[in-house]
Amino acid sequence: MPLVQVTGATVRFQSDTALDAVDFRMFAGEVHSLMGENGAGKSTLIKALTGALPLDAGVISIAGKGVQFATPRDAQRAGISTVYQ
């Protein structure tokens, strides 16, 4: 079972869709880096996963349990950390 899983993550900024049904999962002991062109949604995915942006659709799960983070501090308490470039 993935330790962290994002399923169907969608984030919109008015009429612009920054994430469109994105799936992402991480297993214990893994380290991930996200790469892509400007505007690909990397920062938006990280912000949604760390509680800085709400999802318009989709689910974030930790150890199989759905979670919602109102703030980055909530995500940190749940064990979500980010190292930016």
PDB file of N, CA and C in Angstrom:
ATOM      1  N   MET A   1       0.851  -1.179   0.000  1.00  0.00           N
ATOM      2  CA  MET A   1       0.000   0.000   0.000  1.00  0.00           C
ATOM      3  C   MET A   1       0.897   1.243   0.000  1.00  0.00           C
ATOM      4  N   PRO A   2       0.573   2.228  -0.822  1.00  0.00           N
ATOM      5  CA  PRO A   2       1.347   3.471  -0.819  1.00  0.00           C
ATOM      6  C   PRO A   2       1.226   4.183   0.529  1.00  0.00           C
ATOM      7  N   LEU A   3       2.305   4.802   0.949  1.00  0.00           N
ATOM      8  CA  LEU A   3       2.265   5.600   2.170  1.00  0.00           C
ATOM      9  C   LEU A   3       1.490   6.894   1.918  1.00  0.00           C
ATOM     10  N   VAL A   4       1.747   7.519   0.778  1.00  0.00           N
ATOM     11  CA  VAL A   4       1.024   8.730   0.358  1.00  0.00           C
ATOM     12  C   VAL A   4       0.501   8.498  -1.046  1.00  0.00           C
ATOM     13  N   GLN A   5      -0.774   8.812  -1.243  1.00  0.00           N
ATOM     14  CA  GLN A   5      -1.374   8.646  -2.566  1.00  0.00           C
ATOM     15  C   GLN A   5      -2.262   9.836  -2.878  1.00  0.00           C
ATOM     16  N   VAL A   6      -2.122  10.352  -4.079  1.00  0.00           N
ATOM     17  CA  VAL A   6      -2.975  11.418  -4.593  1.00  0.00           C
ATOM     18  C   VAL A   6      -3.732  10.824  -5.771  1.00  0.00           C
ATOM     19  N   THR A   7      -5.043  10.929  -5.747  1.00  0.00           N
ATOM     20  CA  THR A   7      -5.866  10.336  -6.800  1.00  0.00           C
ATOM     21  C   THR A   7      -6.805  11.393  -7.377  1.00  0.00           C
ATOM     22  N   GLY A   8      -6.716  11.603  -8.674  1.00  0.00           N
ATOM     23  CA  GLY A   8      -7.624  12.522  -9.362  1.00  0.00           C
ATOM     24  C   GLY A   8      -7.485  13.968  -8.955  1.00  0.00           C
ATOM     25  N   ALA A   9      -6.274  14.387  -8.569  1.00  0.00           N
ATOM     26  CA  ALA A   9      -6.071  15.762  -8.094  1.00  0.00           C
ATOM     27  C   ALA A   9      -6.331  16.769  -9.208  1.00  0.00           C
ATOM     28  N   THR A  10      -7.249  17.670  -8.932  1.00  0.00           N
ATOM     29  CA  THR A  10      -7.573  18.740  -9.867  1.00  0.00           C
ATOM     30  C   THR A  10      -7.541  20.065  -9.119  1.00  0.00           C
ATOM     31  N   VAL A  11      -6.826  21.027  -9.695  1.00  0.00           N
ATOM     32  CA  VAL A  11      -6.763  22.378  -9.131  1.00  0.00           C
ATOM     33  C   VAL A  11      -6.990  23.354 -10.271  1.00  0.00           C
ATOM     34  N   ARG A  12      -7.911  24.268 -10.050  1.00  0.00           N
ATOM     35  CA  ARG A  12      -8.219  25.290 -11.057  1.00  0.00           C
ATOM     36  C   ARG A  12      -7.982  26.676 -10.479  1.00  0.00           C
ATOM     37  N   PHE A  13      -7.499  27.561 -11.315  1.00  0.00           N
ATOM     38  CA  PHE A  13      -7.386  28.979 -10.993  1.00  0.00           C
ATOM     39  C   PHE A  13      -8.290  29.705 -11.975  1.00  0.00           C
ATOM     40  N   GLN A  14      -9.477  30.028 -11.531  1.00  0.00           N
ATOM     41  CA  GLN A  14     -10.520  30.595 -12.378  1.00  0.00           C
ATOM     42  C   GLN A  14     -10.757  29.685 -13.576  1.00  0.00           C
ATOM     43  N   SER A  15     -10.472  30.128 -14.783  1.00  0.00           N
ATOM     44  CA  SER A  15     -10.754  29.296 -15.961  1.00  0.00           C
ATOM     45  C   SER A  15      -9.556  28.422 -16.372  1.00  0.00           C
ATOM     46  N   ASP A  16      -8.416  28.550 -15.668  1.00  0.00           N
ATOM     47  CA  ASP A  16      -7.226  27.762 -15.993  1.00  0.00           C
ATOM     48  C   ASP A  16      -7.142  26.528 -15.103  1.00  0.00           C
ATOM     49  N   THR A  17      -6.956  25.370 -15.701  1.00  0.00           N
ATOM     50  CA  THR A  17      -6.788  24.127 -14.957  1.00  0.00           C
ATOM     51  C   THR A  17      -5.297  23.862 -14.819  1.00  0.00           C
ATOM     52  N   ALA A  18      -4.804  23.935 -13.583  1.00  0.00           N
ATOM     53  CA  ALA A  18      -3.378  23.724 -13.321  1.00  0.00           C
ATOM     54  C   ALA A  18      -3.060  22.243 -13.158  1.00  0.00           C
ATOM     55  N   LEU A  19      -3.948  21.493 -12.532  1.00  0.00           N
ATOM     56  CA  LEU A  19      -3.839  20.029 -12.422  1.00  0.00           C
ATOM     57  C   LEU A  19      -5.144  19.445 -12.913  1.00  0.00           C
ATOM     58  N   ASP A  20      -5.052  18.408 -13.711  1.00  0.00           N
ATOM     59  CA  ASP A  20      -6.250  17.804 -14.274  1.00  0.00           C
ATOM     60  C   ASP A  20      -6.234  16.295 -14.015  1.00  0.00           C
ATOM     61  N   ALA A  21      -6.859  15.877 -12.916  1.00  0.00           N
ATOM     62  CA  ALA A  21      -6.996  14.465 -12.557  1.00  0.00           C
ATOM     63  C   ALA A  21      -5.643  13.760 -12.429  1.00  0.00           C
ATOM     64  N   VAL A  22      -4.732  14.364 -11.683  1.00  0.00           N
ATOM     65  CA  VAL A  22      -3.379  13.823 -11.499  1.00  0.00           C
ATOM     66  C   VAL A  22      -3.373  12.735 -10.431  1.00  0.00           C
ATOM     67  N   ASP A  23      -2.681  11.639 -10.732  1.00  0.00           N
ATOM     68  CA  ASP A  23      -2.462  10.558  -9.775  1.00  0.00           C
ATOM     69  C   ASP A  23      -0.974  10.507  -9.444  1.00  0.00           C
ATOM     70  N   PHE A  24      -0.666  10.261  -8.170  1.00  0.00           N
ATOM     71  CA  PHE A  24       0.721  10.224  -7.711  1.00  0.00           C
ATOM     72  C   PHE A  24       0.756   9.373  -6.461  1.00  0.00           C
ATOM     73  N   ARG A  25       1.776   8.536  -6.324  1.00  0.00           N
ATOM     74  CA  ARG A  25       1.869   7.751  -5.106  1.00  0.00           C
ATOM     75  C   ARG A  25       3.319   7.552  -4.708  1.00  0.00           C
ATOM     76  N   MET A  26       3.513   7.411  -3.409  1.00  0.00           N
ATOM     77  CA  MET A  26       4.839   7.212  -2.844  1.00  0.00           C
ATOM     78  C   MET A  26       4.779   6.072  -1.830  1.00  0.00           C
ATOM     79  N   PHE A  27       5.824   5.267  -1.844  1.00  0.00           N
ATOM     80  CA  PHE A  27       5.932   4.173  -0.898  1.00  0.00           C
ATOM     81  C   PHE A  27       7.000   4.514   0.133  1.00  0.00           C
ATOM     82  N   ALA A  28       6.937   3.914   1.296  1.00  0.00           N
ATOM     83  CA  ALA A  28       7.900   4.156   2.366  1.00  0.00           C
ATOM     84  C   ALA A  28       9.323   3.973   1.838  1.00  0.00           C
ATOM     85  N   GLY A  29      10.200   4.900   2.204  1.00  0.00           N
ATOM     86  CA  GLY A  29      11.608   4.826   1.823  1.00  0.00           C
ATOM     87  C   GLY A  29      11.937   5.464   0.492  1.00  0.00           C
ATOM     88  N   GLU A  30      10.945   5.912  -0.248  1.00  0.00           N
ATOM     89  CA  GLU A  30      11.190   6.531  -1.546  1.00  0.00           C
ATOM     90  C   GLU A  30      11.438   8.023  -1.407  1.00  0.00           C
ATOM     91  N   VAL A  31      12.226   8.546  -2.326  1.00  0.00           N
ATOM     92  CA  VAL A  31      12.437   9.983  -2.469  1.00  0.00           C
ATOM     93  C   VAL A  31      12.077  10.322  -3.909  1.00  0.00           C
ATOM     94  N   HIS A  32      11.290  11.368  -4.101  1.00  0.00           N
ATOM     95  CA  HIS A  32      10.853  11.744  -5.446  1.00  0.00           C
ATOM     96  C   HIS A  32      11.316  13.151  -5.778  1.00  0.00           C
ATOM     97  N   SER A  33      11.551  13.384  -7.046  1.00  0.00           N
ATOM     98  CA  SER A  33      11.738  14.742  -7.546  1.00  0.00           C
ATOM     99  C   SER A  33      10.791  14.904  -8.726  1.00  0.00           C
ATOM    100  N   LEU A  34      10.251  16.088  -8.875  1.00  0.00           N
ATOM    101  CA  LEU A  34       9.338  16.377  -9.983  1.00  0.00           C
ATOM    102  C   LEU A  34      10.056  17.286 -10.969  1.00  0.00           C
ATOM    103  N   MET A  35      10.002  16.909 -12.225  1.00  0.00           N
ATOM    104  CA  MET A  35      10.633  17.699 -13.271  1.00  0.00           C
ATOM    105  C   MET A  35       9.643  17.900 -14.405  1.00  0.00           C
ATOM    106  N   GLY A  36       9.771  19.004 -15.071  1.00  0.00           N
ATOM    107  CA  GLY A  36       8.915  19.265 -16.213  1.00  0.00           C
ATOM    108  C   GLY A  36       9.030  20.719 -16.641  1.00  0.00           C
ATOM    109  N   GLU A  37       8.365  21.018 -17.713  1.00  0.00           N
ATOM    110  CA  GLU A  37       8.399  22.375 -18.251  1.00  0.00           C
ATOM    111  C   GLU A  37       7.659  23.339 -17.339  1.00  0.00           C
ATOM    112  N   ASN A  38       7.929  24.631 -17.518  1.00  0.00           N
ATOM    113  CA  ASN A  38       7.174  25.650 -16.793  1.00  0.00           C
ATOM    114  C   ASN A  38       5.700  25.489 -17.124  1.00  0.00           C
ATOM    115  N   GLY A  39       4.876  25.556 -16.097  1.00  0.00           N
ATOM    116  CA  GLY A  39       3.438  25.444 -16.298  1.00  0.00           C
ATOM    117  C   GLY A  39       2.923  24.017 -16.307  1.00  0.00           C
ATOM    118  N   ALA A  40       3.786  23.033 -16.051  1.00  0.00           N
ATOM    119  CA  ALA A  40       3.369  21.632 -16.087  1.00  0.00           C
ATOM    120  C   ALA A  40       2.566  21.224 -14.851  1.00  0.00           C
ATOM    121  N   GLY A  41       2.621  22.015 -13.767  1.00  0.00           N
ATOM    122  CA  GLY A  41       1.842  21.717 -12.570  1.00  0.00           C
ATOM    123  C   GLY A  41       2.645  21.175 -11.398  1.00  0.00           C
ATOM    124  N   LYS A  42       3.964  21.193 -11.509  1.00  0.00           N
ATOM    125  CA  LYS A  42       4.823  20.666 -10.443  1.00  0.00           C
ATOM    126  C   LYS A  42       4.574  21.377  -9.121  1.00  0.00           C
ATOM    127  N   SER A  43       4.696  22.668  -9.125  1.00  0.00           N
ATOM    128  CA  SER A  43       4.525  23.449  -7.892  1.00  0.00           C
ATOM    129  C   SER A  43       3.098  23.346  -7.377  1.00  0.00           C
ATOM    130  N   THR A  44       2.145  23.302  -8.265  1.00  0.00           N
ATOM    131  CA  THR A  44       0.746  23.195  -7.854  1.00  0.00           C
ATOM    132  C   THR A  44       0.500  21.862  -7.148  1.00  0.00           C
ATOM    133  N   LEU A  45       1.055  20.782  -7.670  1.00  0.00           N
ATOM    134  CA  LEU A  45       0.911  19.480  -7.021  1.00  0.00           C
ATOM    135  C   LEU A  45       1.534  19.501  -5.634  1.00  0.00           C
ATOM    136  N   ILE A  46       2.734  20.048  -5.511  1.00  0.00           N
ATOM    137  CA  ILE A  46       3.402  20.123  -4.206  1.00  0.00           C
ATOM    138  C   ILE A  46       2.587  20.984  -3.249  1.00  0.00           C
ATOM    139  N   LYS A  47       2.087  22.109  -3.708  1.00  0.00           N
ATOM    140  CA  LYS A  47       1.292  22.987  -2.838  1.00  0.00           C
ATOM    141  C   LYS A  47       0.010  22.309  -2.381  1.00  0.00           C
ATOM    142  N   ALA A  48      -0.610  21.547  -3.253  1.00  0.00           N
ATOM    143  CA  ALA A  48      -1.827  20.815  -2.858  1.00  0.00           C
ATOM    144  C   ALA A  48      -1.488  19.720  -1.850  1.00  0.00           C
ATOM    145  N   LEU A  49      -0.405  19.011  -2.093  1.00  0.00           N
ATOM    146  CA  LEU A  49      -0.005  17.924  -1.206  1.00  0.00           C
ATOM    147  C   LEU A  49       0.427  18.438   0.169  1.00  0.00           C
ATOM    148  N   THR A  50       0.950  19.654   0.218  1.00  0.00           N
ATOM    149  CA  THR A  50       1.439  20.204   1.487  1.00  0.00           C
ATOM    150  C   THR A  50       0.454  21.153   2.165  1.00  0.00           C
ATOM    151  N   GLY A  51      -0.769  21.243   1.666  1.00  0.00           N
ATOM    152  CA  GLY A  51      -1.795  22.035   2.337  1.00  0.00           C
ATOM    153  C   GLY A  51      -1.809  23.511   2.019  1.00  0.00           C
ATOM    154  N   ALA A  52      -0.978  23.941   1.077  1.00  0.00           N
ATOM    155  CA  ALA A  52      -0.940  25.359   0.722  1.00  0.00           C
ATOM    156  C   ALA A  52      -2.046  25.737  -0.263  1.00  0.00           C
ATOM    157  N   LEU A  53      -2.566  24.752  -1.006  1.00  0.00           N
ATOM    158  CA  LEU A  53      -3.673  24.962  -1.942  1.00  0.00           C
ATOM    159  C   LEU A  53      -4.699  23.856  -1.748  1.00  0.00           C
ATOM    160  N   PRO A  54      -5.978  24.192  -1.786  1.00  0.00           N
ATOM    161  CA  PRO A  54      -6.993  23.135  -1.710  1.00  0.00           C
ATOM    162  C   PRO A  54      -7.185  22.456  -3.064  1.00  0.00           C
ATOM    163  N   LEU A  55      -7.572  21.197  -3.039  1.00  0.00           N
ATOM    164  CA  LEU A  55      -7.939  20.500  -4.269  1.00  0.00           C
ATOM    165  C   LEU A  55      -9.363  20.882  -4.649  1.00  0.00           C
ATOM    166  N   ASP A  56      -9.603  21.093  -5.935  1.00  0.00           N
ATOM    167  CA  ASP A  56     -10.970  21.284  -6.415  1.00  0.00           C
ATOM    168  C   ASP A  56     -11.655  19.938  -6.598  1.00  0.00           C
ATOM    169  N   ALA A  57     -10.856  18.907  -6.844  1.00  0.00           N
ATOM    170  CA  ALA A  57     -11.362  17.535  -6.942  1.00  0.00           C
ATOM    171  C   ALA A  57     -10.204  16.605  -6.632  1.00  0.00           C
ATOM    172  N   GLY A  58     -10.525  15.396  -6.218  1.00  0.00           N
ATOM    173  CA  GLY A  58      -9.507  14.406  -5.934  1.00  0.00           C
ATOM    174  C   GLY A  58      -9.354  14.153  -4.444  1.00  0.00           C
ATOM    175  N   VAL A  59      -8.464  13.210  -4.132  1.00  0.00           N
ATOM    176  CA  VAL A  59      -8.273  12.764  -2.754  1.00  0.00           C
ATOM    177  C   VAL A  59      -6.793  12.596  -2.471  1.00  0.00           C
ATOM    178  N   ILE A  60      -6.381  13.003  -1.277  1.00  0.00           N
ATOM    179  CA  ILE A  60      -5.049  12.717  -0.764  1.00  0.00           C
ATOM    180  C   ILE A  60      -5.236  11.710   0.359  1.00  0.00           C
ATOM    181  N   SER A  61      -4.459  10.630   0.315  1.00  0.00           N
ATOM    182  CA  SER A  61      -4.542   9.591   1.344  1.00  0.00           C
ATOM    183  C   SER A  61      -3.169   9.351   1.939  1.00  0.00           C
ATOM    184  N   ILE A  62      -3.147   9.136   3.237  1.00  0.00           N
ATOM    185  CA  ILE A  62      -1.933   8.734   3.938  1.00  0.00           C
ATOM    186  C   ILE A  62      -2.225   7.392   4.582  1.00  0.00           C
ATOM    187  N   ALA A  63      -1.415   6.398   4.215  1.00  0.00           N
ATOM    188  CA  ALA A  63      -1.587   5.025   4.715  1.00  0.00           C
ATOM    189  C   ALA A  63      -3.025   4.540   4.512  1.00  0.00           C
ATOM    190  N   GLY A  64      -3.605   4.898   3.374  1.00  0.00           N
ATOM    191  CA  GLY A  64      -4.933   4.425   3.021  1.00  0.00           C
ATOM    192  C   GLY A  64      -6.090   5.225   3.581  1.00  0.00           C
ATOM    193  N   LYS A  65      -5.806   6.248   4.367  1.00  0.00           N
ATOM    194  CA  LYS A  65      -6.863   7.070   4.970  1.00  0.00           C
ATOM    195  C   LYS A  65      -6.901   8.445   4.308  1.00  0.00           C
ATOM    196  N   GLY A  66      -8.067   8.842   3.796  1.00  0.00           N
ATOM    197  CA  GLY A  66      -8.229  10.149   3.164  1.00  0.00           C
ATOM    198  C   GLY A  66      -7.984  11.275   4.151  1.00  0.00           C
ATOM    199  N   VAL A  67      -7.254  12.287   3.712  1.00  0.00           N
ATOM    200  CA  VAL A  67      -6.948  13.443   4.557  1.00  0.00           C
ATOM    201  C   VAL A  67      -7.232  14.726   3.791  1.00  0.00           C
ATOM    202  N   GLN A  68      -7.469  15.788   4.532  1.00  0.00           N
ATOM    203  CA  GLN A  68      -7.582  17.129   3.956  1.00  0.00           C
ATOM    204  C   GLN A  68      -6.761  18.048   4.837  1.00  0.00           C
ATOM    205  N   PHE A  69      -5.874  18.801   4.224  1.00  0.00           N
ATOM    206  CA  PHE A  69      -5.026  19.722   4.962  1.00  0.00           C
ATOM    207  C   PHE A  69      -5.521  21.150   4.750  1.00  0.00           C
ATOM    208  N   ALA A  70      -5.853  21.823   5.844  1.00  0.00           N
ATOM    209  CA  ALA A  70      -6.299  23.215   5.753  1.00  0.00           C
ATOM    210  C   ALA A  70      -5.114  24.165   5.673  1.00  0.00           C
ATOM    211  N   THR A  71      -3.963  23.715   6.190  1.00  0.00           N
ATOM    212  CA  THR A  71      -2.767  24.562   6.223  1.00  0.00           C
ATOM    213  C   THR A  71      -1.533  23.686   6.019  1.00  0.00           C
ATOM    214  N   PRO A  72      -0.407  24.300   5.645  1.00  0.00           N
ATOM    215  CA  PRO A  72       0.841  23.539   5.567  1.00  0.00           C
ATOM    216  C   PRO A  72       1.214  22.900   6.915  1.00  0.00           C
ATOM    217  N   ARG A  73       0.902  23.546   7.998  1.00  0.00           N
ATOM    218  CA  ARG A  73       1.201  22.977   9.320  1.00  0.00           C
ATOM    219  C   ARG A  73       0.454  21.653   9.521  1.00  0.00           C
ATOM    220  N   ASP A  74      -0.785  21.568   9.044  1.00  0.00           N
ATOM    221  CA  ASP A  74      -1.542  20.312   9.131  1.00  0.00           C
ATOM    222  C   ASP A  74      -0.818  19.200   8.376  1.00  0.00           C
ATOM    223  N   ALA A  75      -0.303  19.515   7.189  1.00  0.00           N
ATOM    224  CA  ALA A  75       0.430  18.524   6.400  1.00  0.00           C
ATOM    225  C   ALA A  75       1.713  18.110   7.111  1.00  0.00           C
ATOM    226  N   GLN A  76       2.401  19.067   7.704  1.00  0.00           N
ATOM    227  CA  GLN A  76       3.631  18.751   8.437  1.00  0.00           C
ATOM    228  C   GLN A  76       3.341  17.836   9.624  1.00  0.00           C
ATOM    229  N   ARG A  77       2.271  18.086  10.315  1.00  0.00           N
ATOM    230  CA  ARG A  77       1.889  17.224  11.437  1.00  0.00           C
ATOM    231  C   ARG A  77       1.601  15.802  10.990  1.00  0.00           C
ATOM    232  N   ALA A  78       1.150  15.663   9.739  1.00  0.00           N
ATOM    233  CA  ALA A  78       0.864  14.336   9.184  1.00  0.00           C
ATOM    234  C   ALA A  78       2.102  13.682   8.587  1.00  0.00           C
ATOM    235  N   GLY A  79       3.241  14.402   8.605  1.00  0.00           N
ATOM    236  CA  GLY A  79       4.494  13.834   8.117  1.00  0.00           C
ATOM    237  C   GLY A  79       4.868  14.216   6.704  1.00  0.00           C
ATOM    238  N   ILE A  80       4.162  15.175   6.108  1.00  0.00           N
ATOM    239  CA  ILE A  80       4.481  15.625   4.736  1.00  0.00           C
ATOM    240  C   ILE A  80       5.481  16.763   4.811  1.00  0.00           C
ATOM    241  N   SER A  81       6.632  16.582   4.179  1.00  0.00           N
ATOM    242  CA  SER A  81       7.676  17.609   4.130  1.00  0.00           C
ATOM    243  C   SER A  81       8.117  17.812   2.691  1.00  0.00           C
ATOM    244  N   THR A  82       8.585  18.998   2.398  1.00  0.00           N
ATOM    245  CA  THR A  82       9.035  19.327   1.057  1.00  0.00           C
ATOM    246  C   THR A  82      10.368  20.052   1.129  1.00  0.00           C
ATOM    247  N   VAL A  83      11.270  19.702   0.230  1.00  0.00           N
ATOM    248  CA  VAL A  83      12.526  20.414   0.085  1.00  0.00           C
ATOM    249  C   VAL A  83      12.490  21.045  -1.306  1.00  0.00           C
ATOM    250  N   TYR A  84      12.511  22.367  -1.359  1.00  0.00           N
ATOM    251  CA  TYR A  84      12.456  23.058  -2.645  1.00  0.00           C
ATOM    252  C   TYR A  84      13.852  23.236  -3.204  1.00  0.00           C
ATOM    253  N   GLN A  85      13.920  23.416  -4.499  1.00  0.00           N
ATOM    254  CA  GLN A  85      15.224  23.539  -5.168  1.00  0.00           C
ATOM    255  C   GLN A  85      16.045  24.689  -4.662  1.00  0.00           C
TER     256      GLN A  85
END
